Amino acid sequence: TDTIKRALENTQYSLDKSVLDVEIRNIALKESYLYAPMDGVVSVIAIKEGEAVNTQNGNAVVTLTKPNSLVFEA
């Protein structure tokens, strides 16, 4: 009957939409990693979650420190 056919189509549409949502989230997660050109430890994060980053002003957003290159004198 038409009612069952429409219900099936709606269910399939919801399933397809859910699958696409999961795939998009997986792609976003995969592309969200930040890679640095050197080994080190993040020592400063100059922004908060949700803030926009302007790459044109040259300000550092994240500072990496190489622990084996630190020198302390007393």
PDB file of N, CA and C in Angstrom:
ATOM      1  N   THR A   1       0.834  -1.182   0.000  1.00  0.00           N
ATOM      2  CA  THR A   1       0.000   0.000   0.000  1.00  0.00           C
ATOM      3  C   THR A   1       0.884   1.252   0.000  1.00  0.00           C
ATOM      4  N   ASP A   2       0.265   2.386  -0.317  1.00  0.00           N
ATOM      5  CA  ASP A   2       1.004   3.647  -0.399  1.00  0.00           C
ATOM      6  C   ASP A   2       1.533   4.114   0.955  1.00  0.00           C
ATOM      7  N   THR A   3       0.786   3.881   1.997  1.00  0.00           N
ATOM      8  CA  THR A   3       1.204   4.310   3.333  1.00  0.00           C
ATOM      9  C   THR A   3       2.473   3.591   3.759  1.00  0.00           C
ATOM     10  N   ILE A   4       2.516   2.292   3.540  1.00  0.00           N
ATOM     11  CA  ILE A   4       3.695   1.499   3.899  1.00  0.00           C
ATOM     12  C   ILE A   4       4.882   1.911   3.034  1.00  0.00           C
ATOM     13  N   LYS A   5       4.636   2.157   1.748  1.00  0.00           N
ATOM     14  CA  LYS A   5       5.703   2.573   0.841  1.00  0.00           C
ATOM     15  C   LYS A   5       6.296   3.909   1.283  1.00  0.00           C
ATOM     16  N   ARG A   6       5.441   4.871   1.642  1.00  0.00           N
ATOM     17  CA  ARG A   6       5.931   6.174   2.116  1.00  0.00           C
ATOM     18  C   ARG A   6       6.698   6.038   3.421  1.00  0.00           C
ATOM     19  N   ALA A   7       6.198   5.209   4.315  1.00  0.00           N
ATOM     20  CA  ALA A   7       6.885   4.988   5.592  1.00  0.00           C
ATOM     21  C   ALA A   7       8.267   4.385   5.351  1.00  0.00           C
ATOM     22  N   LEU A   8       8.352   3.428   4.438  1.00  0.00           N
ATOM     23  CA  LEU A   8       9.632   2.810   4.096  1.00  0.00           C
ATOM     24  C   LEU A   8      10.579   3.832   3.477  1.00  0.00           C
ATOM     25  N   GLU A   9      10.077   4.667   2.573  1.00  0.00           N
ATOM     26  CA  GLU A   9      10.910   5.693   1.937  1.00  0.00           C
ATOM     27  C   GLU A   9      11.425   6.699   2.976  1.00  0.00           C
ATOM     28  N   ASN A  10      10.541   7.100   3.907  1.00  0.00           N
ATOM     29  CA  ASN A  10      10.963   8.025   4.961  1.00  0.00           C
ATOM     30  C   ASN A  10      12.031   7.416   5.857  1.00  0.00           C
ATOM     31  N   THR A  11      11.854   6.142   6.187  1.00  0.00           N
ATOM     32  CA  THR A  11      12.832   5.454   7.017  1.00  0.00           C
ATOM     33  C   THR A  11      14.165   5.337   6.293  1.00  0.00           C
ATOM     34  N   GLN A  12      14.123   5.008   5.007  1.00  0.00           N
ATOM     35  CA  GLN A  12      15.352   4.900   4.230  1.00  0.00           C
ATOM     36  C   GLN A  12      16.045   6.260   4.129  1.00  0.00           C
ATOM     37  N   TYR A  13      15.262   7.318   3.936  1.00  0.00           N
ATOM     38  CA  TYR A  13      15.817   8.666   3.871  1.00  0.00           C
ATOM     39  C   TYR A  13      16.517   9.019   5.185  1.00  0.00           C
ATOM     40  N   SER A  14      15.880   8.706   6.309  1.00  0.00           N
ATOM     41  CA  SER A  14      16.477   8.992   7.620  1.00  0.00           C
ATOM     42  C   SER A  14      17.769   8.206   7.814  1.00  0.00           C
ATOM     43  N   LEU A  15      17.763   6.955   7.384  1.00  0.00           N
ATOM     44  CA  LEU A  15      18.965   6.130   7.493  1.00  0.00           C
ATOM     45  C   LEU A  15      20.081   6.699   6.628  1.00  0.00           C
ATOM     46  N   ASP A  16      19.768   7.044   5.378  1.00  0.00           N
ATOM     47  CA  ASP A  16      20.776   7.613   4.476  1.00  0.00           C
ATOM     48  C   ASP A  16      21.352   8.905   5.056  1.00  0.00           C
ATOM     49  N   LYS A  17      20.496   9.736   5.612  1.00  0.00           N
ATOM     50  CA  LYS A  17      20.935  10.999   6.197  1.00  0.00           C
ATOM     51  C   LYS A  17      21.847  10.739   7.394  1.00  0.00           C
ATOM     52  N   SER A  18      21.519   9.767   8.221  1.00  0.00           N
ATOM     53  CA  SER A  18      22.340   9.433   9.378  1.00  0.00           C
ATOM     54  C   SER A  18      23.709   8.913   8.952  1.00  0.00           C
ATOM     55  N   VAL A  19      23.735   8.079   7.933  1.00  0.00           N
ATOM     56  CA  VAL A  19      25.005   7.546   7.425  1.00  0.00           C
ATOM     57  C   VAL A  19      25.873   8.689   6.904  1.00  0.00           C
ATOM     58  N   LEU A  20      25.278   9.623   6.158  1.00  0.00           N
ATOM     59  CA  LEU A  20      26.032  10.763   5.658  1.00  0.00           C
ATOM     60  C   LEU A  20      26.557  11.631   6.791  1.00  0.00           C
ATOM     61  N   ASP A  21      25.754  11.838   7.831  1.00  0.00           N
ATOM     62  CA  ASP A  21      26.205  12.616   8.989  1.00  0.00           C
ATOM     63  C   ASP A  21      27.433  11.982   9.637  1.00  0.00           C
ATOM     64  N   VAL A  22      27.422  10.671   9.805  1.00  0.00           N
ATOM     65  CA  VAL A  22      28.562   9.970  10.401  1.00  0.00           C
ATOM     66  C   VAL A  22      29.787  10.091   9.500  1.00  0.00           C
ATOM     67  N   GLU A  23      29.610   9.929   8.197  1.00  0.00           N
ATOM     68  CA  GLU A  23      30.729  10.041   7.272  1.00  0.00           C
ATOM     69  C   GLU A  23      31.326  11.446   7.293  1.00  0.00           C
ATOM     70  N   ILE A  24      30.486  12.469   7.333  1.00  0.00           N
ATOM     71  CA  ILE A  24      30.971  13.848   7.384  1.00  0.00           C
ATOM     72  C   ILE A  24      31.730  14.101   8.679  1.00  0.00           C
ATOM     73  N   ARG A  25      31.214  13.596   9.797  1.00  0.00           N
ATOM     74  CA  ARG A  25      31.910  13.781  11.076  1.00  0.00           C
ATOM     75  C   ARG A  25      33.260  13.069  11.073  1.00  0.00           C
ATOM     76  N   ASN A  26      33.328  11.885  10.479  1.00  0.00           N
ATOM     77  CA  ASN A  26      34.600  11.163  10.405  1.00  0.00           C
ATOM     78  C   ASN A  26      35.617  11.919   9.558  1.00  0.00           C
ATOM     79  N   ILE A  27      35.177  12.491   8.452  1.00  0.00           N
ATOM     80  CA  ILE A  27      36.072  13.281   7.602  1.00  0.00           C
ATOM     81  C   ILE A  27      36.539  14.524   8.358  1.00  0.00           C
ATOM     82  N   ALA A  28      35.621  15.198   9.038  1.00  0.00           N
ATOM     83  CA  ALA A  28      35.979  16.399   9.801  1.00  0.00           C
ATOM     84  C   ALA A  28      36.989  16.060  10.896  1.00  0.00           C
ATOM     85  N   LEU A  29      36.797  14.944  11.582  1.00  0.00           N
ATOM     86  CA  LEU A  29      37.731  14.534  12.627  1.00  0.00           C
ATOM     87  C   LEU A  29      39.093  14.219  12.037  1.00  0.00           C
ATOM     88  N   LYS A  30      39.111  13.510  10.927  1.00  0.00           N
ATOM     89  CA  LYS A  30      40.369  13.151  10.274  1.00  0.00           C
ATOM     90  C   LYS A  30      41.141  14.390   9.834  1.00  0.00           C
ATOM     91  N   GLU A  31      40.435  15.398   9.353  1.00  0.00           N
ATOM     92  CA  GLU A  31      41.079  16.613   8.858  1.00  0.00           C
ATOM     93  C   GLU A  31      41.341  17.643   9.953  1.00  0.00           C
ATOM     94  N   SER A  32      40.943  17.371  11.187  1.00  0.00           N
ATOM     95  CA  SER A  32      41.063  18.367  12.250  1.00  0.00           C
ATOM     96  C   SER A  32      42.381  18.301  13.013  1.00  0.00           C
ATOM     97  N   TYR A  33      43.213  17.345  12.720  1.00  0.00           N
ATOM     98  CA  TYR A  33      44.483  17.234  13.415  1.00  0.00           C
ATOM     99  C   TYR A  33      45.451  18.301  12.923  1.00  0.00           C
ATOM    100  N   LEU A  34      46.257  18.810  13.833  1.00  0.00           N
ATOM    101  CA  LEU A  34      47.258  19.819  13.525  1.00  0.00           C
ATOM    102  C   LEU A  34      48.621  19.153  13.600  1.00  0.00           C
ATOM    103  N   TYR A  35      49.379  19.273  12.527  1.00  0.00           N
ATOM    104  CA  TYR A  35      50.701  18.668  12.474  1.00  0.00           C
ATOM    105  C   TYR A  35      51.759  19.759  12.496  1.00  0.00           C
ATOM    106  N   ALA A  36      52.821  19.548  13.270  1.00  0.00           N
ATOM    107  CA  ALA A  36      53.902  20.517  13.385  1.00  0.00           C
ATOM    108  C   ALA A  36      55.123  20.018  12.622  1.00  0.00           C
ATOM    109  N   PRO A  37      55.964  20.939  12.180  1.00  0.00           N
ATOM    110  CA  PRO A  37      57.159  20.538  11.434  1.00  0.00           C
ATOM    111  C   PRO A  37      58.279  20.029  12.326  1.00  0.00           C
ATOM    112  N   MET A  38      58.062  19.969  13.642  1.00  0.00           N
ATOM    113  CA  MET A  38      59.095  19.487  14.561  1.00  0.00           C
ATOM    114  C   MET A  38      58.437  18.764  15.728  1.00  0.00           C
ATOM    115  N   ASP A  39      59.237  17.963  16.420  1.00  0.00           N
ATOM    116  CA  ASP A  39      58.762  17.315  17.642  1.00  0.00           C
ATOM    117  C   ASP A  39      58.809  18.317  18.778  1.00  0.00           C
ATOM    118  N   GLY A  40      57.909  18.191  19.709  1.00  0.00           N
ATOM    119  CA  GLY A  40      57.913  19.087  20.849  1.00  0.00           C
ATOM    120  C   GLY A  40      56.652  18.931  21.669  1.00  0.00           C
ATOM    121  N   VAL A  41      56.525  19.797  22.657  1.00  0.00           N
ATOM    122  CA  VAL A  41      55.395  19.802  23.565  1.00  0.00           C
ATOM    123  C   VAL A  41      54.695  21.145  23.423  1.00  0.00           C
ATOM    124  N   VAL A  42      53.374  21.123  23.348  1.00  0.00           N
ATOM    125  CA  VAL A  42      52.622  22.371  23.282  1.00  0.00           C
ATOM    126  C   VAL A  42      52.769  23.055  24.636  1.00  0.00           C
ATOM    127  N   SER A  43      53.366  24.258  24.636  1.00  0.00           N
ATOM    128  CA  SER A  43      53.598  24.967  25.891  1.00  0.00           C
ATOM    129  C   SER A  43      52.670  26.158  26.067  1.00  0.00           C
ATOM    130  N   VAL A  44      52.124  26.690  24.972  1.00  0.00           N
ATOM    131  CA  VAL A  44      51.208  27.824  25.049  1.00  0.00           C
ATOM    132  C   VAL A  44      50.132  27.659  23.989  1.00  0.00           C
ATOM    133  N   ILE A  45      48.877  27.864  24.383  1.00  0.00           N
ATOM    134  CA  ILE A  45      47.762  27.937  23.440  1.00  0.00           C
ATOM    135  C   ILE A  45      47.136  29.308  23.650  1.00  0.00           C
ATOM    136  N   ALA A  46      47.240  30.168  22.637  1.00  0.00           N
ATOM    137  CA  ALA A  46      46.852  31.573  22.782  1.00  0.00           C
ATOM    138  C   ALA A  46      45.417  31.868  22.362  1.00  0.00           C
ATOM    139  N   ILE A  47      44.616  30.839  22.132  1.00  0.00           N
ATOM    140  CA  ILE A  47      43.214  31.049  21.760  1.00  0.00           C
ATOM    141  C   ILE A  47      42.338  30.137  22.604  1.00  0.00           C
ATOM    142  N   LYS A  48      41.060  30.427  22.587  1.00  0.00           N
ATOM    143  CA  LYS A  48      40.087  29.594  23.299  1.00  0.00           C
ATOM    144  C   LYS A  48      39.231  28.854  22.279  1.00  0.00           C
ATOM    145  N   GLU A  49      38.629  27.789  22.703  1.00  0.00           N
ATOM    146  CA  GLU A  49      37.757  27.000  21.836  1.00  0.00           C
ATOM    147  C   GLU A  49      36.668  27.895  21.251  1.00  0.00           C
ATOM    148  N   GLY A  50      36.484  27.800  19.947  1.00  0.00           N
ATOM    149  CA  GLY A  50      35.443  28.556  19.267  1.00  0.00           C
ATOM    150  C   GLY A  50      35.911  29.878  18.698  1.00  0.00           C
ATOM    151  N   GLU A  51      37.104  30.333  19.078  1.00  0.00           N
ATOM    152  CA  GLU A  51      37.622  31.596  18.546  1.00  0.00           C
ATOM    153  C   GLU A  51      38.143  31.402  17.127  1.00  0.00           C
ATOM    154  N   ALA A  52      38.013  32.441  16.332  1.00  0.00           N
ATOM    155  CA  ALA A  52      38.525  32.415  14.965  1.00  0.00           C
ATOM    156  C   ALA A  52      40.007  32.767  14.976  1.00  0.00           C
ATOM    157  N   VAL A  53      40.741  32.229  14.014  1.00  0.00           N
ATOM    158  CA  VAL A  53      42.173  32.481  13.898  1.00  0.00           C
ATOM    159  C   VAL A  53      42.420  33.304  12.642  1.00  0.00           C
ATOM    160  N   ASN A  54      43.164  34.384  12.800  1.00  0.00           N
ATOM    161  CA  ASN A  54      43.552  35.215  11.660  1.00  0.00           C
ATOM    162  C   ASN A  54      45.000  34.907  11.325  1.00  0.00           C
ATOM    163  N   THR A  55      45.228  34.294  10.196  1.00  0.00           N
ATOM    164  CA  THR A  55      46.591  33.908   9.818  1.00  0.00           C
ATOM    165  C   THR A  55      47.364  35.060   9.190  1.00  0.00           C
ATOM    166  N   GLN A  56      46.718  36.171   8.935  1.00  0.00           N
ATOM    167  CA  GLN A  56      47.369  37.292   8.267  1.00  0.00           C
ATOM    168  C   GLN A  56      48.190  38.163   9.210  1.00  0.00           C
ATOM    169  N   ASN A  57      47.878  38.176  10.516  1.00  0.00           N
ATOM    170  CA  ASN A  57      48.570  39.081  11.433  1.00  0.00           C
ATOM    171  C   ASN A  57      49.884  38.522  11.961  1.00  0.00           C
ATOM    172  N   GLY A  58      50.174  37.266  11.737  1.00  0.00           N
ATOM    173  CA  GLY A  58      51.450  36.682  12.130  1.00  0.00           C
ATOM    174  C   GLY A  58      51.585  36.352  13.604  1.00  0.00           C
ATOM    175  N   ASN A  59      50.540  36.500  14.390  1.00  0.00           N
ATOM    176  CA  ASN A  59      50.616  36.164  15.817  1.00  0.00           C
ATOM    177  C   ASN A  59      50.604  34.652  16.003  1.00  0.00           C
ATOM    178  N   ALA A  60      51.418  34.185  16.950  1.00  0.00           N
ATOM    179  CA  ALA A  60      51.472  32.755  17.245  1.00  0.00           C
ATOM    180  C   ALA A  60      50.195  32.326  17.961  1.00  0.00           C
ATOM    181  N   VAL A  61      49.636  31.226  17.530  1.00  0.00           N
ATOM    182  CA  VAL A  61      48.436  30.684  18.160  1.00  0.00           C
ATOM    183  C   VAL A  61      48.817  29.554  19.110  1.00  0.00           C
ATOM    184  N   VAL A  62      49.777  28.757  18.696  1.00  0.00           N
ATOM    185  CA  VAL A  62      50.267  27.641  19.496  1.00  0.00           C
ATOM    186  C   VAL A  62      51.790  27.717  19.524  1.00  0.00           C
ATOM    187  N   THR A  63      52.375  27.546  20.702  1.00  0.00           N
ATOM    188  CA  THR A  63      53.829  27.547  20.829  1.00  0.00           C
ATOM    189  C   THR A  63      54.290  26.152  21.209  1.00  0.00           C
ATOM    190  N   LEU A  64      55.267  25.635  20.455  1.00  0.00           N
ATOM    191  CA  LEU A  64      55.860  24.336  20.749  1.00  0.00           C
ATOM    192  C   LEU A  64      57.215  24.542  21.401  1.00  0.00           C
ATOM    193  N   THR A  65      57.528  23.690  22.366  1.00  0.00           N
ATOM    194  CA  THR A  65      58.820  23.741  23.035  1.00  0.00           C
ATOM    195  C   THR A  65      59.478  22.375  22.918  1.00  0.00           C
ATOM    196  N   LYS A  66      60.753  22.379  22.546  1.00  0.00           N
ATOM    197  CA  LYS A  66      61.518  21.134  22.499  1.00  0.00           C
ATOM    198  C   LYS A  66      62.176  20.948  23.858  1.00  0.00           C
ATOM    199  N   PRO A  67      61.682  20.016  24.666  1.00  0.00           N
ATOM    200  CA  PRO A  67      62.216  19.858  26.024  1.00  0.00           C
ATOM    201  C   PRO A  67      63.716  19.578  26.069  1.00  0.00           C
ATOM    202  N   ASN A  68      64.247  18.851  25.105  1.00  0.00           N
ATOM    203  CA  ASN A  68      65.683  18.520  25.142  1.00  0.00           C
ATOM    204  C   ASN A  68      66.563  19.687  24.689  1.00  0.00           C
ATOM    205  N   SER A  69      65.958  20.800  24.278  1.00  0.00           N
ATOM    206  CA  SER A  69      66.756  21.944  23.856  1.00  0.00           C
ATOM    207  C   SER A  69      66.740  23.070  24.897  1.00  0.00           C
ATOM    208  N   LEU A  70      66.049  22.870  26.011  1.00  0.00           N
ATOM    209  CA  LEU A  70      66.010  23.890  27.061  1.00  0.00           C
ATOM    210  C   LEU A  70      67.301  23.873  27.866  1.00  0.00           C
ATOM    211  N   VAL A  71      67.798  25.064  28.192  1.00  0.00           N
ATOM    212  CA  VAL A  71      69.001  25.196  28.998  1.00  0.00           C
ATOM    213  C   VAL A  71      68.674  26.115  30.170  1.00  0.00           C
ATOM    214  N   PHE A  72      69.002  25.673  31.370  1.00  0.00           N
ATOM    215  CA  PHE A  72      68.775  26.464  32.573  1.00  0.00           C
ATOM    216  C   PHE A  72      70.122  26.775  33.221  1.00  0.00           C
ATOM    217  N   GLU A  73      70.295  28.011  33.596  1.00  0.00           N
ATOM    218  CA  GLU A  73      71.508  28.394  34.323  1.00  0.00           C
ATOM    219  C   GLU A  73      71.088  28.996  35.648  1.00  0.00           C
ATOM    220  N   ALA A  74      71.884  28.705  36.666  1.00  0.00           N
ATOM    221  CA  ALA A  74      71.576  29.264  37.985  1.00  0.00           C
ATOM    222  C   ALA A  74      72.765  30.029  38.511  1.00  0.00           C
TER     223      ALA A  74
END
